[in-house]
Amino acid sequence: MIAKSRFAHSQRMLIVSGILCIVIILVVLQMWLFTATMSAFLNGDESVLIPAALVSLICLSLNVGLFRYLYRLER
Protein backbone atom coordinates (compact mmCIF):
# COMPACT_ATOMS: atom_id res chain seq x y z
CA MET A 1 0.00 0.00 0.00
CA ILE A 2 1.36 3.40 -0.96
CA ALA A 3 1.20 6.01 1.77
CA LYS A 4 -0.39 9.26 0.72
CA SER A 5 1.80 12.34 0.98
CA ARG A 6 0.70 14.90 3.53
CA PHE A 7 1.30 17.75 1.08
CA ALA A 8 1.19 17.85 -2.69
CA HIS A 9 4.44 18.56 -4.53
CA SER A 10 3.45 22.15 -5.33
CA GLN A 11 2.53 22.76 -1.69
CA ARG A 12 5.88 21.38 -0.53
CA MET A 13 7.73 23.62 -2.98
CA LEU A 14 5.82 26.63 -1.65
CA ILE A 15 6.75 25.70 1.92
CA VAL A 16 10.40 25.19 0.97
CA SER A 17 10.48 28.55 -0.84
CA GLY A 18 8.99 30.31 2.19
CA ILE A 19 11.47 28.66 4.54
CA LEU A 20 14.33 29.60 2.20
CA CYS A 21 13.23 33.25 2.34
CA ILE A 22 13.15 33.15 6.14
CA VAL A 23 16.62 31.55 6.25
CA ILE A 24 18.01 34.23 3.92
CA ILE A 25 16.56 36.96 6.17
CA LEU A 26 18.07 35.31 9.26
CA VAL A 27 21.49 34.97 7.63
CA VAL A 28 21.48 38.62 6.52
CA LEU A 29 20.45 39.58 10.07
CA GLN A 30 23.36 37.57 11.48
CA MET A 31 25.80 39.19 9.05
CA TRP A 32 24.55 42.66 10.02
CA LEU A 33 24.72 41.72 13.70
CA PHE A 34 28.29 40.49 13.31
CA THR A 35 29.32 43.68 11.50
CA ALA A 36 27.68 45.96 14.08
CA THR A 37 29.13 43.96 16.97
CA MET A 38 32.65 44.02 15.54
CA SER A 39 32.39 47.74 14.90
CA ALA A 40 31.26 48.39 18.47
CA PHE A 41 33.92 46.06 19.89
CA LEU A 42 36.69 47.70 17.90
CA ASN A 43 35.50 51.08 19.19
CA GLY A 44 35.92 49.82 22.75
CA ASP A 45 32.31 48.95 23.62
CA GLU A 46 32.37 45.43 25.07
CA SER A 47 28.83 45.57 26.49
CA VAL A 48 27.30 44.42 23.21
CA LEU A 49 29.15 41.10 23.03
CA ILE A 50 26.88 38.97 25.22
CA PRO A 51 23.54 40.24 23.83
CA ALA A 52 24.81 39.88 20.26
CA ALA A 53 25.99 36.34 20.95
CA LEU A 54 22.59 35.44 22.43
CA VAL A 55 20.71 36.86 19.44
CA SER A 56 23.04 35.01 17.10
CA LEU A 57 22.37 31.76 18.98
CA ILE A 58 18.63 32.38 18.66
CA CYS A 59 19.03 32.85 14.90
CA LEU A 60 21.06 29.64 14.74
CA SER A 61 18.41 27.70 16.67
CA LEU A 62 15.69 29.04 14.34
CA ASN A 63 17.69 27.90 11.30
CA VAL A 64 18.26 24.46 12.84
CA GLY A 65 14.56 24.18 13.65
CA LEU A 66 13.62 25.07 10.07
CA PHE A 67 16.11 22.50 8.76
CA ARG A 68 14.59 19.81 10.98
CA TYR A 69 11.11 20.76 9.76
CA LEU A 70 12.27 20.41 6.15
CA TYR A 71 13.81 17.04 6.93
CA ARG A 72 10.53 15.82 8.47
CA LEU A 73 8.58 17.26 5.54
CA GLU A 74 10.49 15.06 3.09
CA ARG A 75 9.95 11.86 5.08
PDB file of N, CA and C in Angstrom:
ATOM      1  N   MET A   1       0.838  -1.178   0.000  1.00  0.00           N
ATOM      2  CA  MET A   1       0.000   0.000   0.000  1.00  0.00           C
ATOM      3  C   MET A   1       0.884   1.243   0.000  1.00  0.00           C
ATOM      4  N   ILE A   2       0.592   2.171  -0.856  1.00  0.00           N
ATOM      5  CA  ILE A   2       1.361   3.405  -0.959  1.00  0.00           C
ATOM      6  C   ILE A   2       0.778   4.440  -0.008  1.00  0.00           C
ATOM      7  N   ALA A   3       1.649   4.981   0.825  1.00  0.00           N
ATOM      8  CA  ALA A   3       1.204   6.006   1.775  1.00  0.00           C
ATOM      9  C   ALA A   3       0.985   7.315   1.036  1.00  0.00           C
ATOM     10  N   LYS A   4      -0.092   7.975   1.349  1.00  0.00           N
ATOM     11  CA  LYS A   4      -0.393   9.257   0.725  1.00  0.00           C
ATOM     12  C   LYS A   4       0.456  10.356   1.349  1.00  0.00           C
ATOM     13  N   SER A   5       0.998  11.224   0.509  1.00  0.00           N
ATOM     14  CA  SER A   5       1.801  12.338   0.984  1.00  0.00           C
ATOM     15  C   SER A   5       0.916  13.338   1.717  1.00  0.00           C
ATOM     16  N   ARG A   6       1.469  13.933   2.755  1.00  0.00           N
ATOM     17  CA  ARG A   6       0.705  14.898   3.529  1.00  0.00           C
ATOM     18  C   ARG A   6       0.452  16.177   2.739  1.00  0.00           C
ATOM     19  N   PHE A   7       1.421  16.561   1.913  1.00  0.00           N
ATOM     20  CA  PHE A   7       1.298  17.750   1.084  1.00  0.00           C
ATOM     21  C   PHE A   7       1.566  17.362  -0.364  1.00  0.00           C
ATOM     22  N   ALA A   8       0.914  18.043  -1.275  1.00  0.00           N
ATOM     23  CA  ALA A   8       1.192  17.853  -2.695  1.00  0.00           C
ATOM     24  C   ALA A   8       2.556  18.462  -3.013  1.00  0.00           C
ATOM     25  N   HIS A   9       3.111  18.074  -4.150  1.00  0.00           N
ATOM     26  CA  HIS A   9       4.439  18.562  -4.531  1.00  0.00           C
ATOM     27  C   HIS A   9       4.470  20.090  -4.620  1.00  0.00           C
ATOM     28  N   SER A  10       3.460  20.686  -5.205  1.00  0.00           N
ATOM     29  CA  SER A  10       3.445  22.152  -5.330  1.00  0.00           C
ATOM     30  C   SER A  10       3.347  22.825  -3.955  1.00  0.00           C
ATOM     31  N   GLN A  11       2.624  22.197  -3.037  1.00  0.00           N
ATOM     32  CA  GLN A  11       2.533  22.761  -1.688  1.00  0.00           C
ATOM     33  C   GLN A  11       3.873  22.661  -0.971  1.00  0.00           C
ATOM     34  N   ARG A  12       4.566  21.533  -1.162  1.00  0.00           N
ATOM     35  CA  ARG A  12       5.881  21.379  -0.531  1.00  0.00           C
ATOM     36  C   ARG A  12       6.866  22.397  -1.077  1.00  0.00           C
ATOM     37  N   MET A  13       6.815  22.648  -2.390  1.00  0.00           N
ATOM     38  CA  MET A  13       7.730  23.617  -2.979  1.00  0.00           C
ATOM     39  C   MET A  13       7.446  25.026  -2.447  1.00  0.00           C
ATOM     40  N   LEU A  14       6.184  25.335  -2.224  1.00  0.00           N
ATOM     41  CA  LEU A  14       5.825  26.634  -1.654  1.00  0.00           C
ATOM     42  C   LEU A  14       6.354  26.757  -0.229  1.00  0.00           C
ATOM     43  N   ILE A  15       6.232  25.697   0.546  1.00  0.00           N
ATOM     44  CA  ILE A  15       6.746  25.700   1.922  1.00  0.00           C
ATOM     45  C   ILE A  15       8.260  25.858   1.924  1.00  0.00           C
ATOM     46  N   VAL A  16       8.937  25.113   1.052  1.00  0.00           N
ATOM     47  CA  VAL A  16      10.397  25.193   0.974  1.00  0.00           C
ATOM     48  C   VAL A  16      10.831  26.593   0.548  1.00  0.00           C
ATOM     49  N   SER A  17      10.142  27.195  -0.400  1.00  0.00           N
ATOM     50  CA  SER A  17      10.479  28.552  -0.836  1.00  0.00           C
ATOM     51  C   SER A  17      10.298  29.560   0.300  1.00  0.00           C
ATOM     52  N   GLY A  18       9.223  29.426   1.051  1.00  0.00           N
ATOM     53  CA  GLY A  18       8.995  30.310   2.194  1.00  0.00           C
ATOM     54  C   GLY A  18      10.063  30.159   3.257  1.00  0.00           C
ATOM     55  N   ILE A  19      10.429  28.907   3.538  1.00  0.00           N
ATOM     56  CA  ILE A  19      11.471  28.656   4.537  1.00  0.00           C
ATOM     57  C   ILE A  19      12.805  29.197   4.050  1.00  0.00           C
ATOM     58  N   LEU A  20      13.090  29.068   2.756  1.00  0.00           N
ATOM     59  CA  LEU A  20      14.327  29.603   2.203  1.00  0.00           C
ATOM     60  C   LEU A  20      14.380  31.125   2.360  1.00  0.00           C
ATOM     61  N   CYS A  21      13.269  31.791   2.146  1.00  0.00           N
ATOM     62  CA  CYS A  21      13.226  33.250   2.336  1.00  0.00           C
ATOM     63  C   CYS A  21      13.495  33.627   3.791  1.00  0.00           C
ATOM     64  N   ILE A  22      12.924  32.879   4.720  1.00  0.00           N
ATOM     65  CA  ILE A  22      13.154  33.146   6.141  1.00  0.00           C
ATOM     66  C   ILE A  22      14.614  32.915   6.499  1.00  0.00           C
ATOM     67  N   VAL A  23      15.212  31.844   5.974  1.00  0.00           N
ATOM     68  CA  VAL A  23      16.622  31.551   6.247  1.00  0.00           C
ATOM     69  C   VAL A  23      17.512  32.661   5.697  1.00  0.00           C
ATOM     70  N   ILE A  24      17.214  33.139   4.502  1.00  0.00           N
ATOM     71  CA  ILE A  24      18.009  34.228   3.923  1.00  0.00           C
ATOM     72  C   ILE A  24      17.924  35.480   4.801  1.00  0.00           C
ATOM     73  N   ILE A  25      16.727  35.798   5.285  1.00  0.00           N
ATOM     74  CA  ILE A  25      16.560  36.959   6.168  1.00  0.00           C
ATOM     75  C   ILE A  25      17.356  36.770   7.458  1.00  0.00           C
ATOM     76  N   LEU A  26      17.331  35.572   8.021  1.00  0.00           N
ATOM     77  CA  LEU A  26      18.066  35.310   9.259  1.00  0.00           C
ATOM     78  C   LEU A  26      19.577  35.400   9.042  1.00  0.00           C
ATOM     79  N   VAL A  27      20.052  34.906   7.915  1.00  0.00           N
ATOM     80  CA  VAL A  27      21.494  34.969   7.631  1.00  0.00           C
ATOM     81  C   VAL A  27      21.931  36.413   7.423  1.00  0.00           C
ATOM     82  N   VAL A  28      21.145  37.192   6.701  1.00  0.00           N
ATOM     83  CA  VAL A  28      21.480  38.620   6.522  1.00  0.00           C
ATOM     84  C   VAL A  28      21.465  39.330   7.873  1.00  0.00           C
ATOM     85  N   LEU A  29      20.498  39.002   8.728  1.00  0.00           N
ATOM     86  CA  LEU A  29      20.452  39.580  10.072  1.00  0.00           C
ATOM     87  C   LEU A  29      21.707  39.221  10.858  1.00  0.00           C
ATOM     88  N   GLN A  30      22.149  37.970  10.761  1.00  0.00           N
ATOM     89  CA  GLN A  30      23.359  37.573  11.477  1.00  0.00           C
ATOM     90  C   GLN A  30      24.592  38.286  10.934  1.00  0.00           C
ATOM     91  N   MET A  31      24.656  38.469   9.622  1.00  0.00           N
ATOM     92  CA  MET A  31      25.796  39.188   9.045  1.00  0.00           C
ATOM     93  C   MET A  31      25.807  40.644   9.510  1.00  0.00           C
ATOM     94  N   TRP A  32      24.634  41.281   9.531  1.00  0.00           N
ATOM     95  CA  TRP A  32      24.553  42.659  10.018  1.00  0.00           C
ATOM     96  C   TRP A  32      24.924  42.721  11.495  1.00  0.00           C
ATOM     97  N   LEU A  33      24.430  41.762  12.269  1.00  0.00           N
ATOM     98  CA  LEU A  33      24.717  41.721  13.700  1.00  0.00           C
ATOM     99  C   LEU A  33      26.212  41.557  13.948  1.00  0.00           C
ATOM    100  N   PHE A  34      26.847  40.689  13.171  1.00  0.00           N
ATOM    101  CA  PHE A  34      28.292  40.495  13.311  1.00  0.00           C
ATOM    102  C   PHE A  34      29.053  41.779  12.983  1.00  0.00           C
ATOM    103  N   THR A  35      28.661  42.438  11.905  1.00  0.00           N
ATOM    104  CA  THR A  35      29.323  43.677  11.505  1.00  0.00           C
ATOM    105  C   THR A  35      29.154  44.766  12.565  1.00  0.00           C
ATOM    106  N   ALA A  36      27.940  44.939  13.054  1.00  0.00           N
ATOM    107  CA  ALA A  36      27.682  45.959  14.076  1.00  0.00           C
ATOM    108  C   ALA A  36      28.415  45.638  15.376  1.00  0.00           C
ATOM    109  N   THR A  37      28.453  44.363  15.732  1.00  0.00           N
ATOM    110  CA  THR A  37      29.129  43.963  16.967  1.00  0.00           C
ATOM    111  C   THR A  37      30.632  44.181  16.857  1.00  0.00           C
ATOM    112  N   MET A  38      31.209  43.812  15.723  1.00  0.00           N
ATOM    113  CA  MET A  38      32.652  44.021  15.544  1.00  0.00           C
ATOM    114  C   MET A  38      33.002  45.498  15.532  1.00  0.00           C
ATOM    115  N   SER A  39      32.154  46.297  14.919  1.00  0.00           N
ATOM    116  CA  SER A  39      32.387  47.743  14.899  1.00  0.00           C
ATOM    117  C   SER A  39      32.354  48.313  16.319  1.00  0.00           C
ATOM    118  N   ALA A  40      31.356  47.911  17.090  1.00  0.00           N
ATOM    119  CA  ALA A  40      31.258  48.391  18.472  1.00  0.00           C
ATOM    120  C   ALA A  40      32.428  47.882  19.306  1.00  0.00           C
ATOM    121  N   PHE A  41      32.814  46.637  19.116  1.00  0.00           N
ATOM    122  CA  PHE A  41      33.921  46.065  19.887  1.00  0.00           C
ATOM    123  C   PHE A  41      35.240  46.765  19.570  1.00  0.00           C
ATOM    124  N   LEU A  42      35.454  47.027  18.282  1.00  0.00           N
ATOM    125  CA  LEU A  42      36.693  47.699  17.899  1.00  0.00           C
ATOM    126  C   LEU A  42      36.727  49.149  18.358  1.00  0.00           C
ATOM    127  N   ASN A  43      35.559  49.730  18.631  1.00  0.00           N
ATOM    128  CA  ASN A  43      35.500  51.082  19.188  1.00  0.00           C
ATOM    129  C   ASN A  43      35.570  51.084  20.711  1.00  0.00           C
ATOM    130  N   GLY A  44      35.729  49.915  21.313  1.00  0.00           N
ATOM    131  CA  GLY A  44      35.917  49.823  22.753  1.00  0.00           C
ATOM    132  C   GLY A  44      34.670  49.497  23.550  1.00  0.00           C
ATOM    133  N   ASP A  45      33.558  49.256  22.916  1.00  0.00           N
ATOM    134  CA  ASP A  45      32.314  48.949  23.624  1.00  0.00           C
ATOM    135  C   ASP A  45      32.143  47.436  23.714  1.00  0.00           C
ATOM    136  N   GLU A  46      32.458  46.879  24.877  1.00  0.00           N
ATOM    137  CA  GLU A  46      32.367  45.432  25.065  1.00  0.00           C
ATOM    138  C   GLU A  46      31.014  44.992  25.615  1.00  0.00           C
ATOM    139  N   SER A  47      30.126  45.928  25.896  1.00  0.00           N
ATOM    140  CA  SER A  47      28.832  45.575  26.493  1.00  0.00           C
ATOM    141  C   SER A  47      27.877  44.923  25.494  1.00  0.00           C
ATOM    142  N   VAL A  48      28.191  44.994  24.222  1.00  0.00           N
ATOM    143  CA  VAL A  48      27.297  44.421  23.214  1.00  0.00           C
ATOM    144  C   VAL A  48      27.624  42.968  22.885  1.00  0.00           C
ATOM    145  N   LEU A  49      28.712  42.442  23.409  1.00  0.00           N
ATOM    146  CA  LEU A  49      29.148  41.099  23.032  1.00  0.00           C
ATOM    147  C   LEU A  49      28.172  40.013  23.459  1.00  0.00           C
ATOM    148  N   ILE A  50      27.764  40.019  24.706  1.00  0.00           N
ATOM    149  CA  ILE A  50      26.875  38.967  25.216  1.00  0.00           C
ATOM    150  C   ILE A  50      25.488  39.036  24.570  1.00  0.00           C
ATOM    151  N   PRO A  51      24.840  40.202  24.505  1.00  0.00           N
ATOM    152  CA  PRO A  51      23.535  40.239  23.834  1.00  0.00           C
ATOM    153  C   PRO A  51      23.613  39.835  22.358  1.00  0.00           C
ATOM    154  N   ALA A  52      24.663  40.246  21.675  1.00  0.00           N
ATOM    155  CA  ALA A  52      24.812  39.880  20.264  1.00  0.00           C
ATOM    156  C   ALA A  52      25.018  38.375  20.111  1.00  0.00           C
ATOM    157  N   ALA A  53      25.786  37.786  21.006  1.00  0.00           N
ATOM    158  CA  ALA A  53      25.992  36.336  20.953  1.00  0.00           C
ATOM    159  C   ALA A  53      24.685  35.594  21.211  1.00  0.00           C
ATOM    160  N   LEU A  54      23.879  36.088  22.143  1.00  0.00           N
ATOM    161  CA  LEU A  54      22.590  35.436  22.428  1.00  0.00           C
ATOM    162  C   LEU A  54      21.635  35.536  21.244  1.00  0.00           C
ATOM    163  N   VAL A  55      21.579  36.699  20.614  1.00  0.00           N
ATOM    164  CA  VAL A  55      20.709  36.865  19.444  1.00  0.00           C
ATOM    165  C   VAL A  55      21.188  35.975  18.299  1.00  0.00           C
ATOM    166  N   SER A  56      22.494  35.863  18.145  1.00  0.00           N
ATOM    167  CA  SER A  56      23.040  35.006  17.105  1.00  0.00           C
ATOM    168  C   SER A  56      22.709  33.537  17.371  1.00  0.00           C
ATOM    169  N   LEU A  57      22.757  33.128  18.623  1.00  0.00           N
ATOM    170  CA  LEU A  57      22.372  31.757  18.976  1.00  0.00           C
ATOM    171  C   LEU A  57      20.889  31.510  18.723  1.00  0.00           C
ATOM    172  N   ILE A  58      20.064  32.510  18.956  1.00  0.00           N
ATOM    173  CA  ILE A  58      18.632  32.378  18.662  1.00  0.00           C
ATOM    174  C   ILE A  58      18.421  32.205  17.161  1.00  0.00           C
ATOM    175  N   CYS A  59      19.130  32.986  16.360  1.00  0.00           N
ATOM    176  CA  CYS A  59      19.032  32.847  14.900  1.00  0.00           C
ATOM    177  C   CYS A  59      19.494  31.459  14.459  1.00  0.00           C
ATOM    178  N   LEU A  60      20.573  30.974  15.062  1.00  0.00           N
ATOM    179  CA  LEU A  60      21.059  29.638  14.745  1.00  0.00           C
ATOM    180  C   LEU A  60      20.025  28.582  15.095  1.00  0.00           C
ATOM    181  N   SER A  61      19.408  28.698  16.260  1.00  0.00           N
ATOM    182  CA  SER A  61      18.411  27.705  16.666  1.00  0.00           C
ATOM    183  C   SER A  61      17.179  27.751  15.752  1.00  0.00           C
ATOM    184  N   LEU A  62      16.806  28.940  15.292  1.00  0.00           N
ATOM    185  CA  LEU A  62      15.695  29.040  14.340  1.00  0.00           C
ATOM    186  C   LEU A  62      16.042  28.347  13.026  1.00  0.00           C
ATOM    187  N   ASN A  63      17.268  28.552  12.538  1.00  0.00           N
ATOM    188  CA  ASN A  63      17.690  27.901  11.304  1.00  0.00           C
ATOM    189  C   ASN A  63      17.744  26.383  11.461  1.00  0.00           C
ATOM    190  N   VAL A  64      18.227  25.904  12.587  1.00  0.00           N
ATOM    191  CA  VAL A  64      18.264  24.461  12.836  1.00  0.00           C
ATOM    192  C   VAL A  64      16.848  23.902  12.917  1.00  0.00           C
ATOM    193  N   GLY A  65      15.950  24.612  13.569  1.00  0.00           N
ATOM    194  CA  GLY A  65      14.561  24.176  13.648  1.00  0.00           C
ATOM    195  C   GLY A  65      13.902  24.114  12.275  1.00  0.00           C
ATOM    196  N   LEU A  66      14.165  25.096  11.429  1.00  0.00           N
ATOM    197  CA  LEU A  66      13.616  25.072  10.071  1.00  0.00           C
ATOM    198  C   LEU A  66      14.200  23.921   9.262  1.00  0.00           C
ATOM    199  N   PHE A  67      15.490  23.627   9.450  1.00  0.00           N
ATOM    200  CA  PHE A  67      16.105  22.501   8.763  1.00  0.00           C
ATOM    201  C   PHE A  67      15.469  21.188   9.200  1.00  0.00           C
ATOM    202  N   ARG A  68      15.245  21.036  10.481  1.00  0.00           N
ATOM    203  CA  ARG A  68      14.587  19.811  10.977  1.00  0.00           C
ATOM    204  C   ARG A  68      13.176  19.683  10.432  1.00  0.00           C
ATOM    205  N   TYR A  69      12.454  20.798  10.329  1.00  0.00           N
ATOM    206  CA  TYR A  69      11.109  20.764   9.760  1.00  0.00           C
ATOM    207  C   TYR A  69      11.160  20.310   8.297  1.00  0.00           C
ATOM    208  N   LEU A  70      12.125  20.832   7.541  1.00  0.00           N
ATOM    209  CA  LEU A  70      12.274  20.410   6.148  1.00  0.00           C
ATOM    210  C   LEU A  70      12.601  18.930   6.046  1.00  0.00           C
ATOM    211  N   TYR A  71      13.442  18.464   6.937  1.00  0.00           N
ATOM    212  CA  TYR A  71      13.806  17.038   6.927  1.00  0.00           C
ATOM    213  C   TYR A  71      12.577  16.181   7.204  1.00  0.00           C
ATOM    214  N   ARG A  72      11.759  16.573   8.174  1.00  0.00           N
ATOM    215  CA  ARG A  72      10.530  15.815   8.474  1.00  0.00           C
ATOM    216  C   ARG A  72       9.505  15.941   7.367  1.00  0.00           C
ATOM    217  N   LEU A  73       9.515  17.059   6.650  1.00  0.00           N
ATOM    218  CA  LEU A  73       8.577  17.262   5.542  1.00  0.00           C
ATOM    219  C   LEU A  73       8.851  16.286   4.410  1.00  0.00           C
ATOM    220  N   GLU A  74      10.115  15.960   4.190  1.00  0.00           N
ATOM    221  CA  GLU A  74      10.489  15.057   3.090  1.00  0.00           C
ATOM    222  C   GLU A  74      10.311  13.600   3.449  1.00  0.00           C
ATOM    223  N   ARG A  75      10.124  13.262   4.686  1.00  0.00           N
ATOM    224  CA  ARG A  75       9.954  11.860   5.085  1.00  0.00           C
ATOM    225  C   ARG A  75       8.621  11.348   4.712  1.00  0.00           C
TER     226      ARG A  75
END
